[in-house]
Amino acid sequence: MPMSFIAGQAFWGKIRFPDGEFPAYERPYLVVGIDGEYIEILTVSSVAGKEWKLTLPANKEIFKYDPPFPRRTFAKLDSLQKVHLSNLSNVRIAKSGAALDATELSEIMGSIIRE
């Protein structure tokens, strides 16, 4: 049976990047939309050692990051992907499925860079 998700949840896994490559390690993703058998996700990253990336317009810091992220995090607003649920069998839901603060999620969703 496929997993079910809600917007604002996060998970760890290896999802193919928009350029076709797979990440070398499991990374976190934020669910920003649900569409039938698909979910929309953004790639997220910890801020540690990458503070300079917060100055880029395509990145948005998540201030109320916990839950679902364990440390200071930013969303990559230009990384929106639509993924079929069948491609998510090996992912781990973060923080027992706890969702991101609704205001933070709304701000992120309103800032997504769509091609």
Protein backbone atom coordinates (compact mmCIF):
# COMPACT_ATOMS: atom_id res chain seq x y z
CA MET A 1 0.00 0.00 0.00
CA PRO A 2 1.45 3.41 -0.93
CA MET A 3 2.39 5.93 1.73
CA SER A 4 0.16 8.90 2.29
CA PHE A 5 1.47 12.40 2.86
CA ILE A 6 0.19 15.81 3.89
CA ALA A 7 1.63 19.17 2.92
CA GLY A 8 4.20 20.30 5.46
CA GLN A 9 5.58 16.85 6.21
CA ALA A 10 9.22 16.08 5.53
CA PHE A 11 11.01 12.90 4.60
CA TRP A 12 14.53 11.63 4.01
CA GLY A 13 15.43 9.74 0.86
CA LYS A 14 17.12 9.78 -2.52
CA ILE A 15 14.90 11.42 -5.12
CA ARG A 16 16.25 12.10 -8.60
CA PHE A 17 17.15 15.80 -8.99
CA PRO A 18 15.45 17.78 -11.80
CA ASP A 19 18.70 17.43 -13.81
CA GLY A 20 18.30 13.62 -13.74
CA GLU A 21 21.05 12.83 -11.24
CA PHE A 22 20.53 11.04 -7.93
CA PRO A 23 21.97 12.51 -4.74
CA ALA A 24 24.98 10.69 -3.32
CA TYR A 25 23.30 10.47 0.10
CA GLU A 26 19.84 10.60 1.65
CA ARG A 27 18.62 14.14 1.94
CA PRO A 28 15.54 15.90 3.30
CA TYR A 29 12.55 16.98 1.25
CA LEU A 30 9.49 19.04 2.16
CA VAL A 31 6.04 18.05 0.88
CA VAL A 32 4.31 21.15 -0.52
CA GLY A 33 1.44 19.63 -2.47
CA ILE A 34 -0.66 16.53 -3.00
CA ASP A 35 -2.13 15.65 -6.38
CA GLY A 36 -3.74 12.20 -6.53
CA GLU A 37 -0.95 9.64 -6.81
CA TYR A 38 1.71 12.36 -6.89
CA ILE A 39 3.21 14.70 -4.33
CA GLU A 40 5.03 17.96 -4.93
CA ILE A 41 8.29 18.38 -3.03
CA LEU A 42 11.05 20.88 -2.47
CA THR A 43 14.61 19.97 -1.65
CA VAL A 44 15.72 21.42 1.68
CA SER A 45 19.12 21.72 3.28
CA SER A 46 20.62 22.58 6.64
CA VAL A 47 22.00 26.09 6.98
CA ALA A 48 25.18 25.02 8.83
CA GLY A 49 28.23 26.05 6.81
CA LYS A 50 26.02 27.41 4.03
CA GLU A 51 24.78 30.64 5.58
CA TRP A 52 25.80 32.52 2.43
CA LYS A 53 23.14 30.57 0.49
CA LEU A 54 20.45 32.43 2.46
CA THR A 55 21.33 35.54 0.43
CA LEU A 56 20.27 33.85 -2.81
CA PRO A 57 16.71 34.66 -3.93
CA ALA A 58 15.95 30.99 -4.70
CA ASN A 59 16.52 29.99 -1.05
CA LYS A 60 14.22 30.71 1.89
CA GLU A 61 15.14 30.11 5.50
CA ILE A 62 12.63 28.16 7.56
CA PHE A 63 12.54 29.86 10.95
CA LYS A 64 10.17 27.49 12.77
CA TYR A 65 11.93 24.42 11.38
CA ASP A 66 11.33 21.93 14.24
CA PRO A 67 9.23 19.99 13.50
CA PRO A 68 9.85 18.49 11.04
CA PHE A 69 13.57 19.32 10.68
CA PRO A 70 16.11 18.78 13.47
CA ARG A 71 18.27 21.83 12.71
CA ARG A 72 18.20 25.23 11.07
CA THR A 73 17.03 24.66 7.50
CA PHE A 74 16.27 26.43 4.24
CA ALA A 75 14.05 25.48 1.30
CA LYS A 76 15.30 25.60 -2.27
CA LEU A 77 12.41 27.41 -3.92
CA ASP A 78 13.56 26.51 -7.44
CA SER A 79 13.64 22.74 -6.78
CA LEU A 80 9.92 21.91 -7.14
CA GLN A 81 9.35 18.36 -8.32
CA LYS A 82 6.28 16.20 -8.81
CA VAL A 83 6.96 12.62 -7.70
CA HIS A 84 4.76 9.54 -8.09
CA LEU A 85 4.00 7.78 -4.81
CA SER A 86 5.41 4.52 -6.21
CA ASN A 87 8.87 6.19 -6.26
CA LEU A 88 8.76 6.81 -2.51
CA SER A 89 8.94 3.27 -1.12
CA ASN A 90 12.35 3.74 0.48
CA VAL A 91 11.85 7.09 2.20
CA ARG A 92 11.73 7.79 5.95
CA ILE A 93 9.13 10.21 7.27
CA ALA A 94 10.69 12.85 9.56
CA LYS A 95 9.51 13.55 13.12
CA SER A 96 6.78 10.85 13.05
CA GLY A 97 4.92 12.78 10.35
CA ALA A 98 4.72 16.09 12.26
CA ALA A 99 4.15 18.94 9.81
CA LEU A 100 5.89 22.27 9.43
CA ASP A 101 4.32 25.34 11.04
CA ALA A 102 1.34 26.37 8.86
CA THR A 103 2.50 29.99 8.47
CA GLU A 104 6.00 28.91 7.41
CA LEU A 105 4.51 26.42 4.93
CA SER A 106 2.19 29.06 3.48
CA GLU A 107 5.08 31.50 2.99
CA ILE A 108 7.17 28.84 1.28
CA MET A 109 4.31 27.74 -0.98
CA GLY A 110 3.71 31.35 -1.99
CA SER A 111 7.39 31.80 -2.86
CA ILE A 112 7.97 28.66 -4.96
CA ILE A 113 9.69 29.41 -8.25
CA ARG A 114 7.74 27.62 -10.98
CA GLU A 115 9.18 27.21 -14.45
